[in-house]
Amino acid sequence: WASWCPPCRREMPVLEQGQSDYPGVRFVYANQGESAEIIRGYLLEEGLRLDNVVSDPHSDLARALGGSGLPTTVLIGSDGTLVNSHVGPLSRASLHHFVNPHLQE
Protein backbone atom coordinates (compact mmCIF):
# COMPACT_ATOMS: atom_id res chain seq x y z
CA TRP A 1 0.00 0.00 0.00
CA ALA A 2 0.93 3.62 -0.31
CA SER A 3 -0.70 6.77 0.98
CA TRP A 4 -0.89 8.27 -2.52
CA CYS A 5 -2.88 5.27 -3.86
CA PRO A 6 -6.68 5.95 -3.84
CA PRO A 7 -7.66 2.23 -3.87
CA CYS A 8 -5.27 1.62 -0.97
CA ARG A 9 -6.83 4.48 0.96
CA ARG A 10 -10.31 2.99 0.45
CA GLU A 11 -9.13 -0.43 1.58
CA MET A 12 -7.28 0.56 4.75
CA PRO A 13 -10.37 0.88 7.00
CA VAL A 14 -11.51 -2.57 5.81
CA LEU A 15 -8.15 -4.08 6.75
CA GLU A 16 -8.15 -2.21 10.06
CA GLN A 17 -11.52 -3.82 10.86
CA GLY A 18 -10.10 -7.16 9.70
CA GLN A 19 -7.65 -7.07 12.61
CA SER A 20 -10.67 -7.40 14.95
CA ASP A 21 -12.76 -9.65 12.74
CA TYR A 22 -9.96 -12.21 12.24
CA PRO A 23 -7.90 -12.33 15.47
CA GLY A 24 -6.16 -15.50 14.27
CA VAL A 25 -4.68 -13.64 11.29
CA ARG A 26 -1.65 -11.40 11.74
CA PHE A 27 -2.12 -8.41 9.45
CA VAL A 28 1.11 -6.78 8.28
CA TYR A 29 0.85 -3.50 6.40
CA ALA A 30 3.88 -3.13 4.13
CA ASN A 31 4.08 0.41 2.80
CA GLN A 32 5.76 0.64 -0.58
CA GLY A 33 8.32 3.37 -1.12
CA GLU A 34 7.34 6.02 1.42
CA SER A 35 9.25 7.43 4.37
CA ALA A 36 8.34 6.71 7.98
CA GLU A 37 7.31 10.36 8.35
CA ILE A 38 4.81 10.14 5.47
CA ILE A 39 3.45 6.83 6.77
CA ARG A 40 2.98 8.19 10.30
CA GLY A 41 1.35 11.36 9.00
CA TYR A 42 -1.11 9.43 6.84
CA LEU A 43 -2.11 7.06 9.66
CA LEU A 44 -2.63 9.96 12.07
CA GLU A 45 -4.57 12.02 9.53
CA GLU A 46 -6.90 9.10 8.78
CA GLY A 47 -7.19 7.97 12.40
CA LEU A 48 -6.10 4.44 11.50
CA ARG A 49 -4.88 2.13 14.26
CA LEU A 50 -2.97 -0.53 12.41
CA ASP A 51 -0.81 -3.19 13.99
CA ASN A 52 2.41 -4.26 12.28
CA VAL A 53 3.04 -1.38 9.89
CA VAL A 54 6.37 -1.81 8.12
CA SER A 55 8.20 0.33 5.61
CA ASP A 56 9.51 -1.18 2.39
CA PRO A 57 11.28 1.88 0.96
CA HIS A 58 12.58 0.12 -2.16
CA SER A 59 9.48 -2.07 -2.76
CA ASP A 60 11.55 -5.23 -2.35
CA LEU A 61 8.59 -7.15 -0.92
CA ALA A 62 6.40 -6.34 -3.90
CA ARG A 63 9.07 -7.62 -6.28
CA ALA A 64 9.70 -10.76 -4.20
CA LEU A 65 6.00 -11.61 -4.14
CA GLY A 66 5.41 -10.74 -7.78
CA GLY A 67 3.14 -7.80 -6.97
CA SER A 68 1.73 -6.21 -10.10
CA GLY A 69 -0.09 -3.22 -8.64
CA LEU A 70 -1.36 -1.49 -5.56
CA PRO A 71 -2.94 -2.52 -3.37
CA THR A 72 -1.84 -6.12 -3.37
CA THR A 73 -2.99 -8.33 -0.51
CA VAL A 74 -1.22 -11.61 0.12
CA LEU A 75 -2.06 -14.41 2.50
CA ILE A 76 0.94 -16.32 3.77
CA GLY A 77 0.46 -19.58 5.61
CA SER A 78 2.02 -20.40 8.96
CA ASP A 79 4.64 -22.41 7.06
CA GLY A 80 5.70 -19.30 5.09
CA THR A 81 4.16 -20.29 1.76
CA LEU A 82 2.03 -17.97 -0.34
CA VAL A 83 -1.56 -19.21 0.03
CA ASN A 84 -3.54 -16.54 -1.82
CA SER A 85 -3.11 -13.12 -3.39
CA HIS A 86 -5.38 -10.36 -4.63
CA VAL A 87 -4.64 -7.19 -6.61
CA GLY A 88 -7.02 -4.31 -6.00
CA PRO A 89 -8.95 -3.09 -2.98
CA LEU A 90 -10.85 -5.56 -0.84
CA SER A 91 -14.29 -4.84 0.57
CA ARG A 92 -15.35 -6.32 3.88
CA ALA A 93 -17.17 -9.13 2.02
CA SER A 94 -14.27 -9.86 -0.34
CA LEU A 95 -11.83 -9.88 2.59
CA HIS A 96 -14.03 -12.51 4.24
CA HIS A 97 -13.98 -14.66 1.09
CA PHE A 98 -10.23 -14.14 0.76
CA VAL A 99 -9.36 -15.17 4.32
CA ASN A 100 -12.13 -17.44 5.60
CA PRO A 101 -11.42 -20.60 3.54
CA HIS A 102 -7.90 -20.70 4.98
CA LEU A 103 -8.79 -20.31 8.65
CA GLN A 104 -8.51 -23.32 10.89
CA GLU A 105 -11.63 -24.13 12.85
PDB file of N, CA and C in Angstrom:
ATOM      1  N   TRP A   1       0.840  -1.171   0.000  1.00  0.00           N
ATOM      2  CA  TRP A   1       0.000   0.000   0.000  1.00  0.00           C
ATOM      3  C   TRP A   1       0.884   1.233   0.000  1.00  0.00           C
ATOM      4  N   ALA A   2       0.262   2.328  -0.368  1.00  0.00           N
ATOM      5  CA  ALA A   2       0.930   3.619  -0.315  1.00  0.00           C
ATOM      6  C   ALA A   2      -0.124   4.683  -0.053  1.00  0.00           C
ATOM      7  N   SER A   3       0.267   5.737   0.620  1.00  0.00           N
ATOM      8  CA  SER A   3      -0.701   6.767   0.983  1.00  0.00           C
ATOM      9  C   SER A   3      -1.223   7.535  -0.226  1.00  0.00           C
ATOM     10  N   TRP A   4      -0.486   7.551  -1.312  1.00  0.00           N
ATOM     11  CA  TRP A   4      -0.894   8.271  -2.521  1.00  0.00           C
ATOM     12  C   TRP A   4      -1.837   7.448  -3.401  1.00  0.00           C
ATOM     13  N   CYS A   5      -2.107   6.214  -3.049  1.00  0.00           N
ATOM     14  CA  CYS A   5      -2.884   5.274  -3.860  1.00  0.00           C
ATOM     15  C   CYS A   5      -4.352   5.299  -3.424  1.00  0.00           C
ATOM     16  N   PRO A   6      -5.270   5.873  -4.245  1.00  0.00           N
ATOM     17  CA  PRO A   6      -6.682   5.949  -3.845  1.00  0.00           C
ATOM     18  C   PRO A   6      -7.317   4.592  -3.497  1.00  0.00           C
ATOM     19  N   PRO A   7      -7.076   3.508  -4.279  1.00  0.00           N
ATOM     20  CA  PRO A   7      -7.663   2.226  -3.873  1.00  0.00           C
ATOM     21  C   PRO A   7      -7.118   1.726  -2.531  1.00  0.00           C
ATOM     22  N   CYS A   8      -5.853   2.007  -2.261  1.00  0.00           N
ATOM     23  CA  CYS A   8      -5.266   1.623  -0.974  1.00  0.00           C
ATOM     24  C   CYS A   8      -5.962   2.365   0.155  1.00  0.00           C
ATOM     25  N   ARG A   9      -6.193   3.646  -0.063  1.00  0.00           N
ATOM     26  CA  ARG A   9      -6.830   4.476   0.961  1.00  0.00           C
ATOM     27  C   ARG A   9      -8.244   3.980   1.264  1.00  0.00           C
ATOM     28  N   ARG A  10      -8.959   3.534   0.230  1.00  0.00           N
ATOM     29  CA  ARG A  10     -10.308   2.992   0.447  1.00  0.00           C
ATOM     30  C   ARG A  10     -10.265   1.671   1.212  1.00  0.00           C
ATOM     31  N   GLU A  11      -9.231   0.900   0.983  1.00  0.00           N
ATOM     32  CA  GLU A  11      -9.127  -0.433   1.576  1.00  0.00           C
ATOM     33  C   GLU A  11      -8.649  -0.414   3.030  1.00  0.00           C
ATOM     34  N   MET A  12      -7.897   0.569   3.427  1.00  0.00           N
ATOM     35  CA  MET A  12      -7.277   0.563   4.751  1.00  0.00           C
ATOM     36  C   MET A  12      -8.268   0.411   5.905  1.00  0.00           C
ATOM     37  N   PRO A  13      -9.410   1.109   5.908  1.00  0.00           N
ATOM     38  CA  PRO A  13     -10.365   0.885   7.004  1.00  0.00           C
ATOM     39  C   PRO A  13     -10.905  -0.548   7.040  1.00  0.00           C
ATOM     40  N   VAL A  14     -11.042  -1.170   5.880  1.00  0.00           N
ATOM     41  CA  VAL A  14     -11.506  -2.567   5.814  1.00  0.00           C
ATOM     42  C   VAL A  14     -10.480  -3.477   6.476  1.00  0.00           C
ATOM     43  N   LEU A  15      -9.208  -3.257   6.161  1.00  0.00           N
ATOM     44  CA  LEU A  15      -8.154  -4.079   6.755  1.00  0.00           C
ATOM     45  C   LEU A  15      -7.992  -3.802   8.238  1.00  0.00           C
ATOM     46  N   GLU A  16      -8.188  -2.546   8.630  1.00  0.00           N
ATOM     47  CA  GLU A  16      -8.150  -2.213  10.056  1.00  0.00           C
ATOM     48  C   GLU A  16      -9.233  -3.007  10.796  1.00  0.00           C
ATOM     49  N   GLN A  17     -10.430  -3.054  10.252  1.00  0.00           N
ATOM     50  CA  GLN A  17     -11.518  -3.820  10.864  1.00  0.00           C
ATOM     51  C   GLN A  17     -11.201  -5.315  10.845  1.00  0.00           C
ATOM     52  N   GLY A  18     -10.496  -5.749   9.809  1.00  0.00           N
ATOM     53  CA  GLY A  18     -10.103  -7.156   9.699  1.00  0.00           C
ATOM     54  C   GLY A  18      -9.250  -7.624  10.863  1.00  0.00           C
ATOM     55  N   GLN A  19      -8.452  -6.712  11.433  1.00  0.00           N
ATOM     56  CA  GLN A  19      -7.650  -7.073  12.607  1.00  0.00           C
ATOM     57  C   GLN A  19      -8.532  -7.582  13.735  1.00  0.00           C
ATOM     58  N   SER A  20      -9.723  -6.983  13.897  1.00  0.00           N
ATOM     59  CA  SER A  20     -10.668  -7.400  14.946  1.00  0.00           C
ATOM     60  C   SER A  20     -11.488  -8.600  14.509  1.00  0.00           C
ATOM     61  N   ASP A  21     -11.904  -8.588  13.237  1.00  0.00           N
ATOM     62  CA  ASP A  21     -12.764  -9.655  12.738  1.00  0.00           C
ATOM     63  C   ASP A  21     -12.052 -11.000  12.643  1.00  0.00           C
ATOM     64  N   TYR A  22     -10.740 -10.985  12.425  1.00  0.00           N
ATOM     65  CA  TYR A  22      -9.963 -12.212  12.238  1.00  0.00           C
ATOM     66  C   TYR A  22      -8.765 -12.208  13.195  1.00  0.00           C
ATOM     67  N   PRO A  23      -9.004 -12.414  14.490  1.00  0.00           N
ATOM     68  CA  PRO A  23      -7.904 -12.329  15.466  1.00  0.00           C
ATOM     69  C   PRO A  23      -6.827 -13.396  15.260  1.00  0.00           C
ATOM     70  N   GLY A  24      -7.144 -14.453  14.541  1.00  0.00           N
ATOM     71  CA  GLY A  24      -6.163 -15.498  14.270  1.00  0.00           C
ATOM     72  C   GLY A  24      -5.255 -15.188  13.090  1.00  0.00           C
ATOM     73  N   VAL A  25      -5.485 -14.048  12.443  1.00  0.00           N
ATOM     74  CA  VAL A  25      -4.683 -13.637  11.290  1.00  0.00           C
ATOM     75  C   VAL A  25      -3.825 -12.450  11.711  1.00  0.00           C
ATOM     76  N   ARG A  26      -2.540 -12.524  11.454  1.00  0.00           N
ATOM     77  CA  ARG A  26      -1.650 -11.398  11.738  1.00  0.00           C
ATOM     78  C   ARG A  26      -1.580 -10.535  10.479  1.00  0.00           C
ATOM     79  N   PHE A  27      -2.153  -9.354  10.556  1.00  0.00           N
ATOM     80  CA  PHE A  27      -2.123  -8.410   9.449  1.00  0.00           C
ATOM     81  C   PHE A  27      -0.811  -7.638   9.520  1.00  0.00           C
ATOM     82  N   VAL A  28      -0.119  -7.565   8.392  1.00  0.00           N
ATOM     83  CA  VAL A  28       1.109  -6.776   8.277  1.00  0.00           C
ATOM     84  C   VAL A  28       0.889  -5.816   7.110  1.00  0.00           C
ATOM     85  N   TYR A  29       1.095  -4.552   7.382  1.00  0.00           N
ATOM     86  CA  TYR A  29       0.850  -3.498   6.398  1.00  0.00           C
ATOM     87  C   TYR A  29       2.190  -3.006   5.870  1.00  0.00           C
ATOM     88  N   ALA A  30       2.574  -3.471   4.702  1.00  0.00           N
ATOM     89  CA  ALA A  30       3.878  -3.129   4.133  1.00  0.00           C
ATOM     90  C   ALA A  30       3.726  -1.954   3.173  1.00  0.00           C
ATOM     91  N   ASN A  31       4.135  -0.780   3.636  1.00  0.00           N
ATOM     92  CA  ASN A  31       4.076   0.415   2.804  1.00  0.00           C
ATOM     93  C   ASN A  31       5.173   0.352   1.753  1.00  0.00           C
ATOM     94  N   GLN A  32       4.823   0.721   0.537  1.00  0.00           N
ATOM     95  CA  GLN A  32       5.755   0.641  -0.576  1.00  0.00           C
ATOM     96  C   GLN A  32       6.306   2.015  -0.943  1.00  0.00           C
ATOM     97  N   GLY A  33       7.578   2.245  -0.612  1.00  0.00           N
ATOM     98  CA  GLY A  33       8.321   3.372  -1.124  1.00  0.00           C
ATOM     99  C   GLY A  33       8.186   4.702  -0.412  1.00  0.00           C
ATOM    100  N   GLU A  34       7.508   4.746   0.729  1.00  0.00           N
ATOM    101  CA  GLU A  34       7.339   6.024   1.416  1.00  0.00           C
ATOM    102  C   GLU A  34       8.148   6.058   2.709  1.00  0.00           C
ATOM    103  N   SER A  35       8.470   7.263   3.146  1.00  0.00           N
ATOM    104  CA  SER A  35       9.254   7.433   4.365  1.00  0.00           C
ATOM    105  C   SER A  35       8.387   7.178   5.600  1.00  0.00           C
ATOM    106  N   ALA A  36       9.051   6.920   6.716  1.00  0.00           N
ATOM    107  CA  ALA A  36       8.344   6.710   7.984  1.00  0.00           C
ATOM    108  C   ALA A  36       7.524   7.941   8.346  1.00  0.00           C
ATOM    109  N   GLU A  37       8.028   9.117   8.042  1.00  0.00           N
ATOM    110  CA  GLU A  37       7.307  10.357   8.345  1.00  0.00           C
ATOM    111  C   GLU A  37       5.995  10.443   7.559  1.00  0.00           C
ATOM    112  N   ILE A  38       6.024  10.121   6.292  1.00  0.00           N
ATOM    113  CA  ILE A  38       4.808  10.139   5.469  1.00  0.00           C
ATOM    114  C   ILE A  38       3.818   9.093   5.964  1.00  0.00           C
ATOM    115  N   ILE A  39       4.307   7.911   6.280  1.00  0.00           N
ATOM    116  CA  ILE A  39       3.445   6.831   6.771  1.00  0.00           C
ATOM    117  C   ILE A  39       2.760   7.258   8.070  1.00  0.00           C
ATOM    118  N   ARG A  40       3.537   7.741   9.020  1.00  0.00           N
ATOM    119  CA  ARG A  40       2.978   8.190  10.303  1.00  0.00           C
ATOM    120  C   ARG A  40       1.941   9.284  10.103  1.00  0.00           C
ATOM    121  N   GLY A  41       2.266  10.264   9.261  1.00  0.00           N
ATOM    122  CA  GLY A  41       1.345  11.364   8.999  1.00  0.00           C
ATOM    123  C   GLY A  41       0.031  10.893   8.407  1.00  0.00           C
ATOM    124  N   TYR A  42       0.106   9.964   7.460  1.00  0.00           N
ATOM    125  CA  TYR A  42      -1.110   9.426   6.844  1.00  0.00           C
ATOM    126  C   TYR A  42      -1.965   8.697   7.876  1.00  0.00           C
ATOM    127  N   LEU A  43      -1.356   7.837   8.667  1.00  0.00           N
ATOM    128  CA  LEU A  43      -2.106   7.063   9.657  1.00  0.00           C
ATOM    129  C   LEU A  43      -2.766   7.976  10.685  1.00  0.00           C
ATOM    130  N   LEU A  44      -2.056   8.999  11.120  1.00  0.00           N
ATOM    131  CA  LEU A  44      -2.625   9.961  12.072  1.00  0.00           C
ATOM    132  C   LEU A  44      -3.771  10.748  11.445  1.00  0.00           C
ATOM    133  N   GLU A  45      -3.561  11.233  10.226  1.00  0.00           N
ATOM    134  CA  GLU A  45      -4.572  12.020   9.527  1.00  0.00           C
ATOM    135  C   GLU A  45      -5.863  11.236   9.331  1.00  0.00           C
ATOM    136  N   GLU A  46      -5.739   9.951   9.032  1.00  0.00           N
ATOM    137  CA  GLU A  46      -6.900   9.105   8.777  1.00  0.00           C
ATOM    138  C   GLU A  46      -7.452   8.450  10.042  1.00  0.00           C
ATOM    139  N   GLY A  47      -6.739   8.582  11.150  1.00  0.00           N
ATOM    140  CA  GLY A  47      -7.186   7.974  12.401  1.00  0.00           C
ATOM    141  C   GLY A  47      -7.137   6.455  12.382  1.00  0.00           C
ATOM    142  N   LEU A  48      -6.215   5.900  11.614  1.00  0.00           N
ATOM    143  CA  LEU A  48      -6.100   4.443  11.501  1.00  0.00           C
ATOM    144  C   LEU A  48      -5.206   3.894  12.608  1.00  0.00           C
ATOM    145  N   ARG A  49      -5.665   2.825  13.230  1.00  0.00           N
ATOM    146  CA  ARG A  49      -4.884   2.132  14.260  1.00  0.00           C
ATOM    147  C   ARG A  49      -4.535   0.748  13.717  1.00  0.00           C
ATOM    148  N   LEU A  50      -3.406   0.696  13.048  1.00  0.00           N
ATOM    149  CA  LEU A  50      -2.968  -0.533  12.406  1.00  0.00           C
ATOM    150  C   LEU A  50      -1.822  -1.157  13.184  1.00  0.00           C
ATOM    151  N   ASP A  51      -1.903  -2.451  13.401  1.00  0.00           N
ATOM    152  CA  ASP A  51      -0.806  -3.194  13.994  1.00  0.00           C
ATOM    153  C   ASP A  51       0.165  -3.568  12.875  1.00  0.00           C
ATOM    154  N   ASN A  52       1.415  -3.702  13.197  1.00  0.00           N
ATOM    155  CA  ASN A  52       2.410  -4.264  12.283  1.00  0.00           C
ATOM    156  C   ASN A  52       2.561  -3.488  10.979  1.00  0.00           C
ATOM    157  N   VAL A  53       2.759  -2.193  11.071  1.00  0.00           N
ATOM    158  CA  VAL A  53       3.042  -1.379   9.890  1.00  0.00           C
ATOM    159  C   VAL A  53       4.551  -1.397   9.670  1.00  0.00           C
ATOM    160  N   VAL A  54       4.950  -1.774   8.461  1.00  0.00           N
ATOM    161  CA  VAL A  54       6.375  -1.807   8.122  1.00  0.00           C
ATOM    162  C   VAL A  54       6.612  -0.975   6.866  1.00  0.00           C
ATOM    163  N   SER A  55       7.811  -0.469   6.759  1.00  0.00           N
ATOM    164  CA  SER A  55       8.205   0.335   5.611  1.00  0.00           C
ATOM    165  C   SER A  55       9.073  -0.504   4.684  1.00  0.00           C
ATOM    166  N   ASP A  56       8.727  -0.500   3.419  1.00  0.00           N
ATOM    167  CA  ASP A  56       9.507  -1.180   2.388  1.00  0.00           C
ATOM    168  C   ASP A  56       9.934  -0.101   1.381  1.00  0.00           C
ATOM    169  N   PRO A  57      10.950   0.687   1.732  1.00  0.00           N
ATOM    170  CA  PRO A  57      11.280   1.878   0.957  1.00  0.00           C
ATOM    171  C   PRO A  57      11.669   1.619  -0.500  1.00  0.00           C
ATOM    172  N   HIS A  58      12.162   0.433  -0.791  1.00  0.00           N
ATOM    173  CA  HIS A  58      12.581   0.122  -2.159  1.00  0.00           C
ATOM    174  C   HIS A  58      11.639  -0.861  -2.846  1.00  0.00           C
ATOM    175  N   SER A  59      10.500  -1.145  -2.222  1.00  0.00           N
ATOM    176  CA  SER A  59       9.477  -2.068  -2.762  1.00  0.00           C
ATOM    177  C   SER A  59      10.039  -3.458  -3.042  1.00  0.00           C
ATOM    178  N   ASP A  60      10.967  -3.895  -2.195  1.00  0.00           N
ATOM    179  CA  ASP A  60      11.554  -5.226  -2.346  1.00  0.00           C
ATOM    180  C   ASP A  60      10.519  -6.330  -2.150  1.00  0.00           C
ATOM    181  N   LEU A  61       9.606  -6.133  -1.189  1.00  0.00           N
ATOM    182  CA  LEU A  61       8.594  -7.150  -0.921  1.00  0.00           C
ATOM    183  C   LEU A  61       7.678  -7.343  -2.128  1.00  0.00           C
ATOM    184  N   ALA A  62       7.265  -6.252  -2.729  1.00  0.00           N
ATOM    185  CA  ALA A  62       6.395  -6.344  -3.904  1.00  0.00           C
ATOM    186  C   ALA A  62       7.079  -7.144  -5.017  1.00  0.00           C
ATOM    187  N   ARG A  63       8.341  -6.870  -5.255  1.00  0.00           N
ATOM    188  CA  ARG A  63       9.073  -7.621  -6.285  1.00  0.00           C
ATOM    189  C   ARG A  63       9.198  -9.088  -5.902  1.00  0.00           C
ATOM    190  N   ALA A  64       9.509  -9.369  -4.645  1.00  0.00           N
ATOM    191  CA  ALA A  64       9.698 -10.756  -4.199  1.00  0.00           C
ATOM    192  C   ALA A  64       8.413 -11.570  -4.319  1.00  0.00           C
ATOM    193  N   LEU A  65       7.276 -10.905  -4.087  1.00  0.00           N
ATOM    194  CA  LEU A  65       5.995 -11.611  -4.143  1.00  0.00           C
ATOM    195  C   LEU A  65       5.326 -11.515  -5.505  1.00  0.00           C
ATOM    196  N   GLY A  66       5.968 -10.862  -6.448  1.00  0.00           N
ATOM    197  CA  GLY A  66       5.406 -10.742  -7.783  1.00  0.00           C
ATOM    198  C   GLY A  66       4.238  -9.785  -7.856  1.00  0.00           C
ATOM    199  N   GLY A  67       4.219  -8.781  -6.968  1.00  0.00           N
ATOM    200  CA  GLY A  67       3.135  -7.803  -6.966  1.00  0.00           C
ATOM    201  C   GLY A  67       3.083  -7.054  -8.284  1.00  0.00           C
ATOM    202  N   SER A  68       1.872  -6.871  -8.804  1.00  0.00           N
ATOM    203  CA  SER A  68       1.728  -6.214 -10.098  1.00  0.00           C
ATOM    204  C   SER A  68       0.986  -4.894 -10.005  1.00  0.00           C
ATOM    205  N   GLY A  69       0.627  -4.474  -8.815  1.00  0.00           N
ATOM    206  CA  GLY A  69      -0.091  -3.222  -8.642  1.00  0.00           C
ATOM    207  C   GLY A  69      -0.426  -3.000  -7.188  1.00  0.00           C
ATOM    208  N   LEU A  70      -0.962  -1.834  -6.917  1.00  0.00           N
ATOM    209  CA  LEU A  70      -1.363  -1.488  -5.555  1.00  0.00           C
ATOM    210  C   LEU A  70      -2.868  -1.278  -5.504  1.00  0.00           C
ATOM    211  N   PRO A  71      -3.489  -1.693  -4.450  1.00  0.00           N
ATOM    212  CA  PRO A  71      -2.941  -2.518  -3.374  1.00  0.00           C
ATOM    213  C   PRO A  71      -2.870  -3.985  -3.778  1.00  0.00           C
ATOM    214  N   THR A  72      -1.925  -4.666  -3.227  1.00  0.00           N
ATOM    215  CA  THR A  72      -1.840  -6.119  -3.370  1.00  0.00           C
ATOM    216  C   THR A  72      -1.925  -6.711  -1.970  1.00  0.00           C
ATOM    217  N   THR A  73      -2.829  -7.642  -1.789  1.00  0.00           N
ATOM    218  CA  THR A  73      -2.990  -8.327  -0.510  1.00  0.00           C
ATOM    219  C   THR A  73      -2.542  -9.763  -0.701  1.00  0.00           C
ATOM    220  N   VAL A  74      -1.688 -10.224   0.188  1.00  0.00           N
ATOM    221  CA  VAL A  74      -1.220 -11.612   0.121  1.00  0.00           C
ATOM    222  C   VAL A  74      -1.549 -12.306   1.436  1.00  0.00           C
ATOM    223  N   LEU A  75      -1.819 -13.576   1.326  1.00  0.00           N
ATOM    224  CA  LEU A  75      -2.063 -14.411   2.500  1.00  0.00           C
ATOM    225  C   LEU A  75      -0.946 -15.440   2.531  1.00  0.00           C
ATOM    226  N   ILE A  76      -0.198 -15.418   3.616  1.00  0.00           N
ATOM    227  CA  ILE A  76       0.936 -16.321   3.772  1.00  0.00           C
ATOM    228  C   ILE A  76       0.614 -17.278   4.902  1.00  0.00           C
ATOM    229  N   GLY A  77       0.759 -18.558   4.627  1.00  0.00           N
ATOM    230  CA  GLY A  77       0.461 -19.585   5.613  1.00  0.00           C
ATOM    231  C   GLY A  77       1.471 -19.604   6.740  1.00  0.00           C
ATOM    232  N   SER A  78       1.129 -20.319   7.804  1.00  0.00           N
ATOM    233  CA  SER A  78       2.023 -20.397   8.965  1.00  0.00           C
ATOM    234  C   SER A  78       3.354 -21.054   8.615  1.00  0.00           C
ATOM    235  N   ASP A  79       3.393 -21.788   7.490  1.00  0.00           N
ATOM    236  CA  ASP A  79       4.641 -22.406   7.061  1.00  0.00           C
ATOM    237  C   ASP A  79       5.455 -21.499   6.139  1.00  0.00           C
ATOM    238  N   GLY A  80       4.959 -20.264   5.904  1.00  0.00           N
ATOM    239  CA  GLY A  80       5.695 -19.302   5.094  1.00  0.00           C
ATOM    240  C   GLY A  80       5.402 -19.350   3.608  1.00  0.00           C
ATOM    241  N   THR A  81       4.486 -20.206   3.190  1.00  0.00           N
ATOM    242  CA  THR A  81       4.163 -20.289   1.763  1.00  0.00           C
ATOM    243  C   THR A  81       3.032 -19.328   1.404  1.00  0.00           C
ATOM    244  N   LEU A  82       3.073 -18.845   0.177  1.00  0.00           N
ATOM    245  CA  LEU A  82       2.029 -17.971  -0.337  1.00  0.00           C
ATOM    246  C   LEU A  82       0.775 -18.802  -0.576  1.00  0.00           C
ATOM    247  N   VAL A  83      -0.314 -18.455   0.096  1.00  0.00           N
ATOM    248  CA  VAL A  83      -1.562 -19.206   0.027  1.00  0.00           C
ATOM    249  C   VAL A  83      -2.536 -18.575  -0.961  1.00  0.00           C
ATOM    250  N   ASN A  84      -2.582 -17.240  -0.982  1.00  0.00           N
ATOM    251  CA  ASN A  84      -3.540 -16.538  -1.823  1.00  0.00           C
ATOM    252  C   ASN A  84      -3.033 -15.124  -2.044  1.00  0.00           C
ATOM    253  N   SER A  85      -3.439 -14.519  -3.154  1.00  0.00           N
ATOM    254  CA  SER A  85      -3.105 -13.120  -3.385  1.00  0.00           C
ATOM    255  C   SER A  85      -4.237 -12.449  -4.147  1.00  0.00           C
ATOM    256  N   HIS A  86      -4.320 -11.133  -3.992  1.00  0.00           N
ATOM    257  CA  HIS A  86      -5.382 -10.357  -4.630  1.00  0.00           C
ATOM    258  C   HIS A  86      -4.837  -8.971  -4.951  1.00  0.00           C
ATOM    259  N   VAL A  87      -5.022  -8.539  -6.204  1.00  0.00           N
ATOM    260  CA  VAL A  87      -4.638  -7.194  -6.605  1.00  0.00           C
ATOM    261  C   VAL A  87      -5.898  -6.355  -6.687  1.00  0.00           C
ATOM    262  N   GLY A  88      -5.861  -5.205  -6.035  1.00  0.00           N
ATOM    263  CA  GLY A  88      -7.018  -4.315  -5.999  1.00  0.00           C
ATOM    264  C   GLY A  88      -7.568  -4.242  -4.588  1.00  0.00           C
ATOM    265  N   PRO A  89      -8.423  -3.257  -4.338  1.00  0.00           N
ATOM    266  CA  PRO A  89      -8.952  -3.092  -2.980  1.00  0.00           C
ATOM    267  C   PRO A  89      -9.944  -4.187  -2.615  1.00  0.00           C
ATOM    268  N   LEU A  90      -9.910  -4.583  -1.368  1.00  0.00           N
ATOM    269  CA  LEU A  90     -10.849  -5.561  -0.836  1.00  0.00           C
ATOM    270  C   LEU A  90     -11.956  -4.838  -0.074  1.00  0.00           C
ATOM    271  N   SER A  91     -13.175  -5.295  -0.264  1.00  0.00           N
ATOM    272  CA  SER A  91     -14.295  -4.842   0.569  1.00  0.00           C
ATOM    273  C   SER A  91     -14.347  -5.764   1.781  1.00  0.00           C
ATOM    274  N   ARG A  92     -15.203  -5.452   2.712  1.00  0.00           N
ATOM    275  CA  ARG A  92     -15.348  -6.320   3.883  1.00  0.00           C
ATOM    276  C   ARG A  92     -15.764  -7.727   3.458  1.00  0.00           C
ATOM    277  N   ALA A  93     -16.702  -7.819   2.494  1.00  0.00           N
ATOM    278  CA  ALA A  93     -17.168  -9.130   2.016  1.00  0.00           C
ATOM    279  C   ALA A  93     -16.062  -9.867   1.271  1.00  0.00           C
ATOM    280  N   SER A  94     -15.318  -9.163   0.415  1.00  0.00           N
ATOM    281  CA  SER A  94     -14.273  -9.856  -0.341  1.00  0.00           C
ATOM    282  C   SER A  94     -13.104 -10.251   0.559  1.00  0.00           C
ATOM    283  N   LEU A  95     -12.846  -9.476   1.620  1.00  0.00           N
ATOM    284  CA  LEU A  95     -11.829  -9.881   2.587  1.00  0.00           C
ATOM    285  C   LEU A  95     -12.248 -11.180   3.265  1.00  0.00           C
ATOM    286  N   HIS A  96     -13.516 -11.281   3.617  1.00  0.00           N
ATOM    287  CA  HIS A  96     -14.035 -12.508   4.240  1.00  0.00           C
ATOM    288  C   HIS A  96     -13.810 -13.705   3.308  1.00  0.00           C
ATOM    289  N   HIS A  97     -14.148 -13.555   2.041  1.00  0.00           N
ATOM    290  CA  HIS A  97     -13.980 -14.660   1.086  1.00  0.00           C
ATOM    291  C   HIS A  97     -12.511 -14.961   0.801  1.00  0.00           C
ATOM    292  N   PHE A  98     -11.668 -13.977   0.962  1.00  0.00           N
ATOM    293  CA  PHE A  98     -10.232 -14.140   0.761  1.00  0.00           C
ATOM    294  C   PHE A  98      -9.592 -14.921   1.900  1.00  0.00           C
ATOM    295  N   VAL A  99     -10.004 -14.613   3.133  1.00  0.00           N
ATOM    296  CA  VAL A  99      -9.360 -15.169   4.323  1.00  0.00           C
ATOM    297  C   VAL A  99     -10.053 -16.428   4.834  1.00  0.00           C
ATOM    298  N   ASN A 100     -11.372 -16.406   4.902  1.00  0.00           N
ATOM    299  CA  ASN A 100     -12.132 -17.444   5.603  1.00  0.00           C
ATOM    300  C   ASN A 100     -11.832 -18.882   5.181  1.00  0.00           C
ATOM    301  N   PRO A 101     -11.688 -19.190   3.893  1.00  0.00           N
ATOM    302  CA  PRO A 101     -11.418 -20.595   3.540  1.00  0.00           C
ATOM    303  C   PRO A 101     -10.103 -21.148   4.101  1.00  0.00           C
ATOM    304  N   HIS A 102      -9.225 -20.257   4.522  1.00  0.00           N
ATOM    305  CA  HIS A 102      -7.902 -20.699   4.977  1.00  0.00           C
ATOM    306  C   HIS A 102      -7.762 -20.689   6.496  1.00  0.00           C
ATOM    307  N   LEU A 103      -8.840 -20.325   7.194  1.00  0.00           N
ATOM    308  CA  LEU A 103      -8.785 -20.307   8.649  1.00  0.00           C
ATOM    309  C   LEU A 103      -9.033 -21.701   9.193  1.00  0.00           C
ATOM    310  N   GLN A 104      -8.293 -22.036  10.232  1.00  0.00           N
ATOM    311  CA  GLN A 104      -8.511 -23.324  10.893  1.00  0.00           C
ATOM    312  C   GLN A 104      -9.668 -23.167  11.854  1.00  0.00           C
ATOM    313  N   GLU A 105     -10.471 -24.192  11.935  1.00  0.00           N
ATOM    314  CA  GLU A 105     -11.629 -24.133  12.847  1.00  0.00           C
ATOM    315  C   GLU A 105     -11.217 -24.409  14.265  1.00  0.00           C
TER     316      GLU A 105
END
